[in-house]
């Protein structure tokens, strides 16, 4: 359970905090963002993080409070209780994106706020939401729209770099990050 929660937090941090940085670096590397000044890029980053977090706090807190109230009144079945968390994630994502915030940050923060406000509801929704349906759909769309058209440009060096990054560099980075954790080597390798 501890390893599963660790992976969920790590995934949320990657999606919410690392992905915007990666996308920003990709824009800068391709030269498509060359027209913006440094101040514009800082403002863009502040909006992405700040508005994303604000949307997450709003959706997660209000949604958790509402779910608690409906459950206490006996107005919520177990099926809709589980679906409500998915709906809150989508709501947080949509709210952030419509205000130029980051949807991943919003969904992650909404989950944190929901878990704080409606802690007793978490066991009921944990199993359903753990499938990370929204993350899978998002990355499928990312692959289809951004990565798909670039597949023709692949050569052995790109594939070798990708495999090296996933199989060696990531595992080493996790191992360094876990030095003081005192977990078993097998767990470190599994997390990596």
C-alpha atoms as a PDB file:
ATOM      1  CA  UNK A   1       0.000   0.000   0.000  1.00  0.00           C
ATOM      2  CA  UNK A   2       2.836   2.403   0.861  1.00  0.00           C
ATOM      3  CA  UNK A   3       4.560   1.748  -2.470  1.00  0.00           C
ATOM      4  CA  UNK A   4       1.274   2.218  -4.351  1.00  0.00           C
ATOM      5  CA  UNK A   5       0.675   5.560  -2.626  1.00  0.00           C
ATOM      6  CA  UNK A   6       4.266   6.608  -3.307  1.00  0.00           C
ATOM      7  CA  UNK A   7       3.821   5.868  -7.009  1.00  0.00           C
ATOM      8  CA  UNK A   8       0.516   7.769  -7.089  1.00  0.00           C
ATOM      9  CA  UNK A   9       2.118  10.842  -5.500  1.00  0.00           C
ATOM     10  CA  UNK A  10       5.128  10.617  -7.814  1.00  0.00           C
ATOM     11  CA  UNK A  11       2.834  10.328 -10.821  1.00  0.00           C
ATOM     12  CA  UNK A  12       0.812  13.338  -9.705  1.00  0.00           C
ATOM     13  CA  UNK A  13       3.941  15.385  -9.182  1.00  0.00           C
ATOM     14  CA  UNK A  14       5.272  14.402 -12.605  1.00  0.00           C
ATOM     15  CA  UNK A  15       2.007  15.197 -14.359  1.00  0.00           C
ATOM     16  CA  UNK A  16       1.397  18.395 -12.438  1.00  0.00           C
ATOM     17  CA  UNK A  17       4.816  19.900 -11.962  1.00  0.00           C
ATOM     18  CA  UNK A  18       7.292  18.262 -14.324  1.00  0.00           C
ATOM     19  CA  UNK A  19       5.097  18.096 -17.421  1.00  0.00           C
ATOM     20  CA  UNK A  20       4.628  21.898 -17.738  1.00  0.00           C
ATOM     21  CA  UNK A  21       8.400  22.338 -17.478  1.00  0.00           C
ATOM     22  CA  UNK A  22       8.971  19.660 -20.131  1.00  0.00           C
ATOM     23  CA  UNK A  23       6.395  21.234 -22.447  1.00  0.00           C
ATOM     24  CA  UNK A  24       7.916  24.688 -21.906  1.00  0.00           C
ATOM     25  CA  UNK A  25      11.385  23.318 -22.689  1.00  0.00           C
ATOM     26  CA  UNK A  26       9.994  21.672 -25.842  1.00  0.00           C
ATOM     27  CA  UNK A  27       8.511  24.984 -27.007  1.00  0.00           C
ATOM     28  CA  UNK A  28      11.790  26.789 -26.347  1.00  0.00           C
ATOM     29  CA  UNK A  29      13.832  24.039 -28.038  1.00  0.00           C
ATOM     30  CA  UNK A  30      11.720  24.149 -31.198  1.00  0.00           C
ATOM     31  CA  UNK A  31      11.938  27.936 -31.356  1.00  0.00           C
ATOM     32  CA  UNK A  32       8.143  28.272 -31.455  1.00  0.00           C
ATOM     33  CA  UNK A  33       8.194  30.408 -28.314  1.00  0.00           C
ATOM     34  CA  UNK A  34      10.985  32.707 -29.439  1.00  0.00           C
ATOM     35  CA  UNK A  35       8.626  35.669 -29.769  1.00  0.00           C
ATOM     36  CA  UNK A  36       7.861  35.876 -26.038  1.00  0.00           C
ATOM     37  CA  UNK A  37       9.917  37.889 -23.590  1.00  0.00           C
ATOM     38  CA  UNK A  38      11.258  36.446 -20.346  1.00  0.00           C
ATOM     39  CA  UNK A  39       8.544  38.297 -18.430  1.00  0.00           C
ATOM     40  CA  UNK A  40       5.850  36.750 -20.609  1.00  0.00           C
ATOM     41  CA  UNK A  41       7.240  33.270 -19.945  1.00  0.00           C
ATOM     42  CA  UNK A  42       7.366  33.918 -16.197  1.00  0.00           C
ATOM     43  CA  UNK A  43       3.772  35.179 -16.257  1.00  0.00           C
ATOM     44  CA  UNK A  44       2.752  32.096 -18.280  1.00  0.00           C
ATOM     45  CA  UNK A  45       4.365  29.811 -15.680  1.00  0.00           C
ATOM     46  CA  UNK A  46       2.757  31.670 -12.766  1.00  0.00           C
ATOM     47  CA  UNK A  47      -0.661  31.396 -14.437  1.00  0.00           C
ATOM     48  CA  UNK A  48      -0.193  27.705 -15.167  1.00  0.00           C
ATOM     49  CA  UNK A  49       0.738  26.831 -11.590  1.00  0.00           C
ATOM     50  CA  UNK A  50      -1.325  29.422  -9.683  1.00  0.00           C
ATOM     51  CA  UNK A  51      -4.586  29.109 -11.601  1.00  0.00           C
ATOM     52  CA  UNK A  52      -4.184  25.339 -11.808  1.00  0.00           C
ATOM     53  CA  UNK A  53      -3.760  25.084  -8.039  1.00  0.00           C
ATOM     54  CA  UNK A  54      -6.659  27.499  -7.404  1.00  0.00           C
ATOM     55  CA  UNK A  55      -8.983  25.489  -9.658  1.00  0.00           C
ATOM     56  CA  UNK A  56      -7.930  22.312  -7.859  1.00  0.00           C
ATOM     57  CA  UNK A  57      -8.560  23.788  -4.418  1.00  0.00           C
ATOM     58  CA  UNK A  58     -11.993  25.029  -5.485  1.00  0.00           C
ATOM     59  CA  UNK A  59     -13.128  21.802  -7.182  1.00  0.00           C
ATOM     60  CA  UNK A  60     -11.642  19.416  -4.610  1.00  0.00           C
ATOM     61  CA  UNK A  61     -12.809  21.290  -1.519  1.00  0.00           C
ATOM     62  CA  UNK A  62     -16.303  22.045  -2.805  1.00  0.00           C
ATOM     63  CA  UNK A  63     -16.689  18.565  -4.262  1.00  0.00           C
ATOM     64  CA  UNK A  64     -15.514  16.841  -1.093  1.00  0.00           C
ATOM     65  CA  UNK A  65     -17.832  18.933   1.039  1.00  0.00           C
ATOM     66  CA  UNK A  66     -20.777  18.247  -1.280  1.00  0.00           C
ATOM     67  CA  UNK A  67     -20.089  14.502  -1.391  1.00  0.00           C
ATOM     68  CA  UNK A  68     -19.951  14.376   2.414  1.00  0.00           C
ATOM     69  CA  UNK A  69     -23.276  16.216   2.663  1.00  0.00           C
ATOM     70  CA  UNK A  70     -25.034  14.059   0.061  1.00  0.00           C
ATOM     71  CA  UNK A  71     -23.701  10.873   1.652  1.00  0.00           C
ATOM     72  CA  UNK A  72     -24.826  11.985   5.115  1.00  0.00           C
ATOM     73  CA  UNK A  73     -28.335  12.612   3.744  1.00  0.00           C
ATOM     74  CA  UNK A  74     -28.372   9.154   2.139  1.00  0.00           C
ATOM     75  CA  UNK A  75     -28.617  10.678  -1.328  1.00  0.00           C
ATOM     76  CA  UNK A  76     -25.503   9.082  -2.820  1.00  0.00           C
ATOM     77  CA  UNK A  77     -25.195   5.481  -4.033  1.00  0.00           C
ATOM     78  CA  UNK A  78     -21.827   3.733  -4.100  1.00  0.00           C
ATOM     79  CA  UNK A  79     -21.677   3.859  -7.904  1.00  0.00           C
ATOM     80  CA  UNK A  80     -22.196   7.613  -8.024  1.00  0.00           C
ATOM     81  CA  UNK A  81     -19.841   8.110  -5.092  1.00  0.00           C
ATOM     82  CA  UNK A  82     -17.055   6.515  -7.135  1.00  0.00           C
ATOM     83  CA  UNK A  83     -18.000   8.380 -10.323  1.00  0.00           C
ATOM     84  CA  UNK A  84     -18.117  11.703  -8.487  1.00  0.00           C
ATOM     85  CA  UNK A  85     -14.362  11.670  -7.929  1.00  0.00           C
ATOM     86  CA  UNK A  86     -13.734  11.186 -11.632  1.00  0.00           C
ATOM     87  CA  UNK A  87     -16.165  14.034 -12.310  1.00  0.00           C
ATOM     88  CA  UNK A  88     -14.287  16.262  -9.830  1.00  0.00           C
ATOM     89  CA  UNK A  89     -10.991  15.527 -11.576  1.00  0.00           C
ATOM     90  CA  UNK A  90     -12.515  16.404 -14.945  1.00  0.00           C
ATOM     91  CA  UNK A  91     -14.141  19.529 -13.477  1.00  0.00           C
ATOM     92  CA  UNK A  92     -10.857  20.688 -11.929  1.00  0.00           C
ATOM     93  CA  UNK A  93      -9.004  19.997 -15.173  1.00  0.00           C
ATOM     94  CA  UNK A  94     -11.583  21.848 -17.289  1.00  0.00           C
ATOM     95  CA  UNK A  95     -11.775  24.785 -14.872  1.00  0.00           C
ATOM     96  CA  UNK A  96      -8.001  25.211 -14.910  1.00  0.00           C
ATOM     97  CA  UNK A  97      -7.677  24.890 -18.669  1.00  0.00           C
ATOM     98  CA  UNK A  98     -10.482  27.395 -19.263  1.00  0.00           C
ATOM     99  CA  UNK A  99      -8.642  29.957 -17.118  1.00  0.00           C
ATOM    100  CA  UNK A 100      -5.184  29.279 -18.675  1.00  0.00           C
ATOM    101  CA  UNK A 101      -4.148  27.213 -15.656  1.00  0.00           C
ATOM    102  CA  UNK A 102      -2.585  23.763 -15.795  1.00  0.00           C
ATOM    103  CA  UNK A 103      -5.173  20.975 -15.763  1.00  0.00           C
ATOM    104  CA  UNK A 104      -2.795  18.363 -14.341  1.00  0.00           C
ATOM    105  CA  UNK A 105      -1.913  20.548 -11.387  1.00  0.00           C
ATOM    106  CA  UNK A 106      -5.627  21.256 -10.861  1.00  0.00           C
ATOM    107  CA  UNK A 107      -6.579  17.569 -10.868  1.00  0.00           C
ATOM    108  CA  UNK A 108      -3.714  16.690  -8.495  1.00  0.00           C
ATOM    109  CA  UNK A 109      -4.531  19.511  -6.058  1.00  0.00           C
ATOM    110  CA  UNK A 110      -8.245  18.664  -6.271  1.00  0.00           C
ATOM    111  CA  UNK A 111      -7.400  15.130  -5.180  1.00  0.00           C
ATOM    112  CA  UNK A 112      -5.370  16.425  -2.243  1.00  0.00           C
ATOM    113  CA  UNK A 113      -8.174  18.762  -1.163  1.00  0.00           C
ATOM    114  CA  UNK A 114     -10.857  16.115  -1.641  1.00  0.00           C
ATOM    115  CA  UNK A 115      -8.834  13.690   0.474  1.00  0.00           C
ATOM    116  CA  UNK A 116      -8.504  16.313   3.210  1.00  0.00           C
ATOM    117  CA  UNK A 117     -12.149  17.417   3.253  1.00  0.00           C
ATOM    118  CA  UNK A 118     -13.783  14.022   2.702  1.00  0.00           C
ATOM    119  CA  UNK A 119     -11.217  11.653   4.178  1.00  0.00           C
ATOM    120  CA  UNK A 120     -13.853   9.104   5.191  1.00  0.00           C
ATOM    121  CA  UNK A 121     -14.956   8.857   1.538  1.00  0.00           C
ATOM    122  CA  UNK A 122     -11.504   7.928   0.262  1.00  0.00           C
ATOM    123  CA  UNK A 123     -11.750   4.142   0.807  1.00  0.00           C
ATOM    124  CA  UNK A 124     -14.935   4.084  -1.294  1.00  0.00           C
ATOM    125  CA  UNK A 125     -13.448   5.906  -4.251  1.00  0.00           C
ATOM    126  CA  UNK A 126      -9.812   4.796  -4.062  1.00  0.00           C
ATOM    127  CA  UNK A 127     -10.249   1.557  -5.974  1.00  0.00           C
ATOM    128  CA  UNK A 128     -12.144   3.160  -8.853  1.00  0.00           C
ATOM    129  CA  UNK A 129      -9.973   6.240  -9.272  1.00  0.00           C
ATOM    130  CA  UNK A 130      -6.700   4.339  -8.991  1.00  0.00           C
ATOM    131  CA  UNK A 131      -7.018   3.246 -12.609  1.00  0.00           C
ATOM    132  CA  UNK A 132      -5.976   6.758 -13.635  1.00  0.00           C
ATOM    133  CA  UNK A 133      -8.416   6.761 -16.547  1.00  0.00           C
ATOM    134  CA  UNK A 134      -8.029  10.507 -17.056  1.00  0.00           C
ATOM    135  CA  UNK A 135      -4.233  10.277 -17.169  1.00  0.00           C
ATOM    136  CA  UNK A 136      -4.379   7.454 -19.696  1.00  0.00           C
ATOM    137  CA  UNK A 137      -6.797   9.366 -21.926  1.00  0.00           C
ATOM    138  CA  UNK A 138      -4.692  12.505 -21.704  1.00  0.00           C
ATOM    139  CA  UNK A 139      -1.484  10.747 -22.640  1.00  0.00           C
ATOM    140  CA  UNK A 140      -3.252   8.838 -25.437  1.00  0.00           C
ATOM    141  CA  UNK A 141      -4.373  12.174 -26.880  1.00  0.00           C
ATOM    142  CA  UNK A 142      -0.861  13.585 -26.350  1.00  0.00           C
ATOM    143  CA  UNK A 143       0.572  10.646 -28.254  1.00  0.00           C
ATOM    144  CA  UNK A 144      -1.936  10.919 -31.078  1.00  0.00           C
ATOM    145  CA  UNK A 145      -1.690  14.676 -31.542  1.00  0.00           C
ATOM    146  CA  UNK A 146       1.950  15.475 -30.734  1.00  0.00           C
ATOM    147  CA  UNK A 147       4.033  12.301 -30.804  1.00  0.00           C
ATOM    148  CA  UNK A 148       2.123  10.377 -33.501  1.00  0.00           C
ATOM    149  CA  UNK A 149       3.039  12.624 -36.424  1.00  0.00           C
ATOM    150  CA  UNK A 150       6.707  12.559 -35.366  1.00  0.00           C
ATOM    151  CA  UNK A 151       7.051   8.762 -35.516  1.00  0.00           C
ATOM    152  CA  UNK A 152       8.326   8.989 -39.079  1.00  0.00           C
ATOM    153  CA  UNK A 153      11.340  10.959 -37.780  1.00  0.00           C
ATOM    154  CA  UNK A 154      12.504   8.142 -35.489  1.00  0.00           C
ATOM    155  CA  UNK A 155      15.932   6.645 -35.991  1.00  0.00           C
ATOM    156  CA  UNK A 156      18.033   4.297 -33.860  1.00  0.00           C
ATOM    157  CA  UNK A 157      19.579   7.164 -31.848  1.00  0.00           C
ATOM    158  CA  UNK A 158      16.198   8.498 -30.694  1.00  0.00           C
ATOM    159  CA  UNK A 159      15.031   4.999 -29.714  1.00  0.00           C
ATOM    160  CA  UNK A 160      18.324   4.265 -27.915  1.00  0.00           C
ATOM    161  CA  UNK A 161      18.084   7.557 -26.000  1.00  0.00           C
ATOM    162  CA  UNK A 162      14.472   6.840 -24.985  1.00  0.00           C
ATOM    163  CA  UNK A 163      15.311   3.317 -23.785  1.00  0.00           C
ATOM    164  CA  UNK A 164      18.390   4.565 -21.927  1.00  0.00           C
ATOM    165  CA  UNK A 165      16.359   7.325 -20.263  1.00  0.00           C
ATOM    166  CA  UNK A 166      13.618   4.961 -19.112  1.00  0.00           C
ATOM    167  CA  UNK A 167      15.695   1.923 -18.177  1.00  0.00           C
ATOM    168  CA  UNK A 168      18.896   3.444 -16.771  1.00  0.00           C
ATOM    169  CA  UNK A 169      18.745   7.202 -16.119  1.00  0.00           C
ATOM    170  CA  UNK A 170      15.340   7.092 -14.373  1.00  0.00           C
ATOM    171  CA  UNK A 171      16.321   4.124 -12.199  1.00  0.00           C
ATOM    172  CA  UNK A 172      19.562   5.852 -11.180  1.00  0.00           C
ATOM    173  CA  UNK A 173      17.728   9.105 -10.389  1.00  0.00           C
ATOM    174  CA  UNK A 174      15.221   7.243  -8.211  1.00  0.00           C
ATOM    175  CA  UNK A 175      18.059   5.361  -6.483  1.00  0.00           C
ATOM    176  CA  UNK A 176      19.813   8.630  -5.650  1.00  0.00           C
ATOM    177  CA  UNK A 177      16.554  10.166  -4.393  1.00  0.00           C
ATOM    178  CA  UNK A 178      15.882   7.108  -2.197  1.00  0.00           C
ATOM    179  CA  UNK A 179      19.331   6.842  -0.561  1.00  0.00           C
ATOM    180  CA  UNK A 180      18.152   7.931   2.885  1.00  0.00           C
ATOM    181  CA  UNK A 181      14.807   6.094   2.717  1.00  0.00           C
ATOM    182  CA  UNK A 182      16.144   2.764   4.013  1.00  0.00           C
ATOM    183  CA  UNK A 183      13.892   0.756   1.702  1.00  0.00           C
ATOM    184  CA  UNK A 184      14.986  -2.506   0.135  1.00  0.00           C
ATOM    185  CA  UNK A 185      16.989  -2.438  -3.097  1.00  0.00           C
ATOM    186  CA  UNK A 186      14.200  -4.355  -4.857  1.00  0.00           C
ATOM    187  CA  UNK A 187      11.724  -1.610  -3.917  1.00  0.00           C
ATOM    188  CA  UNK A 188      14.038   1.110  -5.226  1.00  0.00           C
ATOM    189  CA  UNK A 189      14.421  -0.753  -8.522  1.00  0.00           C
ATOM    190  CA  UNK A 190      10.657  -1.293  -8.724  1.00  0.00           C
ATOM    191  CA  UNK A 191       9.984   2.407  -8.084  1.00  0.00           C
ATOM    192  CA  UNK A 192      12.593   3.335 -10.695  1.00  0.00           C
END
